[in-house]
C-alpha cells in the first residue's frame, strides 16, 4: 500500500513535469504575431538606412551582441544559429 502511494506521487510529479515541458514548447499566437511585427519593423528600419547596419570587414559580431539584421535578438539566437 505504501508502495502504491509512492508510485502515485511519482506519477503525479512526472505528469506535472511533462505538462510544464509541453507548455514551454508551445508559444501563444500573440507572442508569434508580436515577434513577426518586431521583425518586420526592424527590416523596414534597416531598408531606410542600410549603411547604419552594414558591418565593416574588420568588425565581428559577438555571440551575445545584438544581431546586425536588426531583429532585436541576440546573434547566437538569430543569424548565428544558421551557421
N, C-alpha and C. Protein backbone atom coordinates (compact mmCIF):
# COMPACT_ATOMS: atom_id res chain seq x y z
N UNK A 1 0.82 -1.18 0.00
CA UNK A 1 0.00 0.00 0.00
C UNK A 1 0.87 1.27 0.00
N UNK A 2 1.92 1.25 0.79
CA UNK A 2 2.82 2.40 0.82
C UNK A 2 3.51 2.54 -0.53
N UNK A 3 3.79 1.42 -1.15
CA UNK A 3 4.44 1.45 -2.47
C UNK A 3 3.50 2.08 -3.51
N UNK A 4 2.21 1.77 -3.41
CA UNK A 4 1.23 2.35 -4.33
C UNK A 4 1.18 3.86 -4.20
N UNK A 5 1.23 4.35 -2.96
CA UNK A 5 1.19 5.80 -2.75
C UNK A 5 2.45 6.46 -3.32
N UNK A 6 3.60 5.82 -3.14
CA UNK A 6 4.84 6.37 -3.70
C UNK A 6 4.77 6.40 -5.22
N UNK A 7 4.27 5.35 -5.80
CA UNK A 7 4.15 5.30 -7.26
C UNK A 7 3.18 6.36 -7.76
N UNK A 8 2.09 6.56 -7.03
CA UNK A 8 1.12 7.60 -7.41
C UNK A 8 1.75 8.98 -7.35
N UNK A 9 2.51 9.25 -6.27
CA UNK A 9 3.18 10.55 -6.16
C UNK A 9 4.19 10.73 -7.28
N UNK A 10 4.93 9.67 -7.59
CA UNK A 10 5.91 9.74 -8.67
C UNK A 10 5.20 10.02 -10.00
N UNK A 11 4.10 9.33 -10.25
CA UNK A 11 3.35 9.54 -11.49
C UNK A 11 2.81 10.97 -11.58
N UNK A 12 2.34 11.50 -10.45
CA UNK A 12 1.83 12.87 -10.44
C UNK A 12 2.94 13.87 -10.73
N UNK A 13 4.10 13.68 -10.12
CA UNK A 13 5.23 14.58 -10.36
C UNK A 13 5.68 14.50 -11.82
N UNK A 14 5.72 13.30 -12.35
CA UNK A 14 6.13 13.11 -13.74
C UNK A 14 5.14 13.79 -14.69
N UNK A 15 3.86 13.65 -14.41
CA UNK A 15 2.84 14.27 -15.24
C UNK A 15 2.94 15.80 -15.19
N UNK A 16 3.18 16.37 -14.00
CA UNK A 16 3.34 17.82 -13.87
C UNK A 16 4.55 18.29 -14.67
N UNK A 17 5.63 17.54 -14.58
CA UNK A 17 6.86 17.91 -15.30
C UNK A 17 6.62 17.87 -16.81
N UNK A 18 5.96 16.85 -17.29
CA UNK A 18 5.67 16.74 -18.73
C UNK A 18 4.76 17.86 -19.20
N UNK A 19 3.78 18.23 -18.39
CA UNK A 19 2.88 19.32 -18.77
C UNK A 19 3.63 20.64 -18.83
N UNK A 20 4.54 20.86 -17.90
CA UNK A 20 5.34 22.09 -17.89
C UNK A 20 6.23 22.15 -19.13
N UNK A 21 6.83 21.03 -19.50
CA UNK A 21 7.68 21.00 -20.70
C UNK A 21 6.86 21.27 -21.96
N UNK A 22 5.66 20.71 -22.04
CA UNK A 22 4.80 20.96 -23.20
C UNK A 22 4.40 22.42 -23.28
N UNK A 23 4.11 23.02 -22.14
CA UNK A 23 3.72 24.43 -22.12
C UNK A 23 4.86 25.32 -22.60
N UNK A 24 6.09 24.97 -22.29
CA UNK A 24 7.24 25.75 -22.74
C UNK A 24 7.45 25.62 -24.25
N UNK A 25 7.12 24.47 -24.81
CA UNK A 25 7.33 24.25 -26.24
C UNK A 25 6.34 25.02 -27.10
N UNK A 26 5.15 25.24 -26.60
CA UNK A 26 4.11 25.89 -27.38
C UNK A 26 4.06 27.37 -27.05
N UNK A 27 4.10 28.19 -28.09
CA UNK A 27 4.02 29.64 -27.89
C UNK A 27 2.64 30.11 -28.30
N UNK A 28 2.20 31.15 -27.66
CA UNK A 28 0.87 31.67 -27.97
C UNK A 28 0.89 32.42 -29.30
N UNK A 29 -0.26 32.56 -29.89
CA UNK A 29 -0.40 33.27 -31.16
C UNK A 29 0.03 34.71 -31.02
N UNK A 30 -0.29 35.33 -29.88
CA UNK A 30 0.09 36.72 -29.66
C UNK A 30 1.60 36.89 -29.65
N UNK A 31 2.31 35.94 -29.03
CA UNK A 31 3.77 36.01 -29.00
C UNK A 31 4.35 35.91 -30.40
N UNK A 32 3.82 35.00 -31.19
CA UNK A 32 4.32 34.82 -32.56
C UNK A 32 4.04 36.07 -33.39
N UNK A 33 2.83 36.62 -33.27
CA UNK A 33 2.49 37.82 -34.04
C UNK A 33 3.34 39.01 -33.61
N UNK A 34 3.58 39.14 -32.31
CA UNK A 34 4.41 40.25 -31.81
C UNK A 34 5.84 40.13 -32.34
N UNK A 35 6.36 38.91 -32.38
CA UNK A 35 7.71 38.70 -32.90
C UNK A 35 7.77 39.02 -34.40
N UNK A 36 6.76 38.59 -35.15
CA UNK A 36 6.73 38.88 -36.58
C UNK A 36 6.64 40.39 -36.83
N UNK A 37 5.84 41.10 -36.03
CA UNK A 37 5.75 42.55 -36.15
C UNK A 37 7.09 43.22 -35.88
N UNK A 38 7.77 42.76 -34.83
CA UNK A 38 9.07 43.34 -34.48
C UNK A 38 10.08 43.11 -35.59
N UNK A 39 10.06 41.93 -36.18
CA UNK A 39 10.99 41.63 -37.27
C UNK A 39 10.69 42.47 -38.49
N UNK A 40 9.41 42.63 -38.82
CA UNK A 40 9.06 43.44 -40.00
C UNK A 40 9.42 44.90 -39.78
N UNK A 41 9.24 45.42 -38.55
CA UNK A 41 9.64 46.80 -38.25
C UNK A 41 11.15 46.96 -38.36
N UNK A 42 11.89 45.97 -37.86
CA UNK A 42 13.35 46.04 -37.93
C UNK A 42 13.82 46.01 -39.37
N UNK A 43 13.18 45.18 -40.20
CA UNK A 43 13.56 45.12 -41.62
C UNK A 43 13.26 46.43 -42.32
N UNK A 44 12.12 47.04 -42.00
CA UNK A 44 11.76 48.32 -42.61
C UNK A 44 12.76 49.40 -42.21
N UNK A 45 13.17 49.40 -40.95
CA UNK A 45 14.15 50.38 -40.48
C UNK A 45 15.50 50.16 -41.16
N UNK A 46 15.85 48.91 -41.34
CA UNK A 46 17.13 48.60 -42.00
C UNK A 46 17.11 49.03 -43.46
N UNK A 47 15.97 48.91 -44.12
CA UNK A 47 15.88 49.32 -45.53
C UNK A 47 15.98 50.83 -45.68
N UNK A 48 15.56 51.58 -44.65
CA UNK A 48 15.66 53.04 -44.71
C UNK A 48 17.11 53.50 -44.73
N UNK A 49 17.93 52.91 -43.88
CA UNK A 49 19.33 53.31 -43.76
C UNK A 49 20.22 52.06 -43.69
N UNK A 50 20.49 51.43 -44.83
CA UNK A 50 21.25 50.18 -44.80
C UNK A 50 22.70 50.35 -44.35
N UNK A 51 23.29 51.53 -44.56
CA UNK A 51 24.68 51.73 -44.16
C UNK A 51 24.85 51.69 -42.64
N UNK A 52 23.82 52.06 -41.93
CA UNK A 52 23.87 52.06 -40.46
C UNK A 52 24.05 50.63 -39.93
N UNK A 53 23.50 49.66 -40.62
CA UNK A 53 23.53 48.28 -40.15
C UNK A 53 24.57 47.42 -40.87
N UNK A 54 25.31 47.99 -41.77
CA UNK A 54 26.31 47.24 -42.53
C UNK A 54 27.54 47.02 -41.66
N UNK A 55 28.05 45.82 -41.65
CA UNK A 55 29.26 45.51 -40.90
C UNK A 55 30.48 45.81 -41.75
N UNK A 56 31.48 46.30 -41.10
CA UNK A 56 32.75 46.51 -41.78
C UNK A 56 33.51 45.19 -41.77
N UNK A 57 34.46 45.05 -42.69
CA UNK A 57 35.18 43.79 -42.83
C UNK A 57 35.95 43.43 -41.56
N UNK A 58 36.43 44.42 -40.83
CA UNK A 58 37.22 44.12 -39.64
C UNK A 58 36.36 43.96 -38.38
N UNK A 59 35.07 44.21 -38.47
CA UNK A 59 34.19 44.04 -37.32
C UNK A 59 33.66 42.62 -37.28
N UNK A 60 33.58 42.08 -36.09
CA UNK A 60 32.95 40.77 -35.92
C UNK A 60 31.84 40.92 -34.89
N UNK A 61 30.88 40.07 -34.99
CA UNK A 61 29.75 40.10 -34.07
C UNK A 61 29.98 39.05 -33.00
N UNK A 62 29.88 39.46 -31.75
CA UNK A 62 29.99 38.51 -30.66
C UNK A 62 28.70 37.71 -30.53
N UNK A 63 28.79 36.54 -29.93
CA UNK A 63 27.61 35.69 -29.81
C UNK A 63 26.49 36.36 -29.03
N UNK A 64 26.83 37.15 -28.02
CA UNK A 64 25.80 37.77 -27.18
C UNK A 64 25.47 39.20 -27.59
N UNK A 65 26.06 39.68 -28.68
CA UNK A 65 25.74 41.02 -29.18
C UNK A 65 24.41 40.99 -29.92
N UNK A 66 23.75 42.14 -30.04
CA UNK A 66 22.51 42.18 -30.84
C UNK A 66 22.81 41.81 -32.29
N UNK A 67 21.89 41.12 -32.90
CA UNK A 67 22.08 40.68 -34.28
C UNK A 67 22.10 41.89 -35.22
N UNK A 68 23.04 41.92 -36.17
CA UNK A 68 23.11 43.05 -37.10
C UNK A 68 21.94 43.10 -38.08
N UNK A 69 21.13 42.06 -38.15
CA UNK A 69 19.99 42.09 -39.07
C UNK A 69 18.89 43.00 -38.54
N UNK A 70 18.97 43.37 -37.25
CA UNK A 70 18.01 44.31 -36.69
C UNK A 70 16.79 43.67 -36.05
N UNK A 71 16.81 42.36 -35.85
CA UNK A 71 15.64 41.70 -35.28
C UNK A 71 15.46 41.98 -33.80
N UNK A 72 16.53 42.40 -33.12
CA UNK A 72 16.46 42.64 -31.69
C UNK A 72 16.86 41.43 -30.87
N UNK A 73 17.11 40.31 -31.53
CA UNK A 73 17.54 39.11 -30.83
C UNK A 73 19.06 39.10 -30.70
N UNK A 74 19.56 38.20 -29.84
CA UNK A 74 21.00 38.01 -29.78
C UNK A 74 21.44 37.31 -31.06
N UNK A 75 22.69 37.57 -31.45
CA UNK A 75 23.23 36.99 -32.68
C UNK A 75 23.17 35.46 -32.65
N UNK A 76 23.47 34.87 -31.49
CA UNK A 76 23.50 33.41 -31.41
C UNK A 76 22.12 32.78 -31.58
N UNK A 77 21.05 33.55 -31.29
CA UNK A 77 19.69 33.03 -31.43
C UNK A 77 19.07 33.38 -32.78
N UNK A 78 19.73 34.24 -33.54
CA UNK A 78 19.16 34.70 -34.80
C UNK A 78 20.01 34.18 -35.96
N UNK A 79 20.76 35.03 -36.56
CA UNK A 79 21.57 34.67 -37.73
C UNK A 79 22.75 33.77 -37.37
N UNK A 80 23.22 33.81 -36.14
CA UNK A 80 24.33 32.97 -35.72
C UNK A 80 23.97 31.51 -35.65
N UNK A 81 22.70 31.19 -35.49
CA UNK A 81 22.29 29.79 -35.41
C UNK A 81 22.22 29.14 -36.79
N UNK A 82 22.30 29.94 -37.84
CA UNK A 82 22.22 29.41 -39.20
C UNK A 82 23.57 28.92 -39.71
N UNK A 83 24.63 29.32 -39.03
CA UNK A 83 25.98 28.97 -39.49
C UNK A 83 26.38 27.59 -39.05
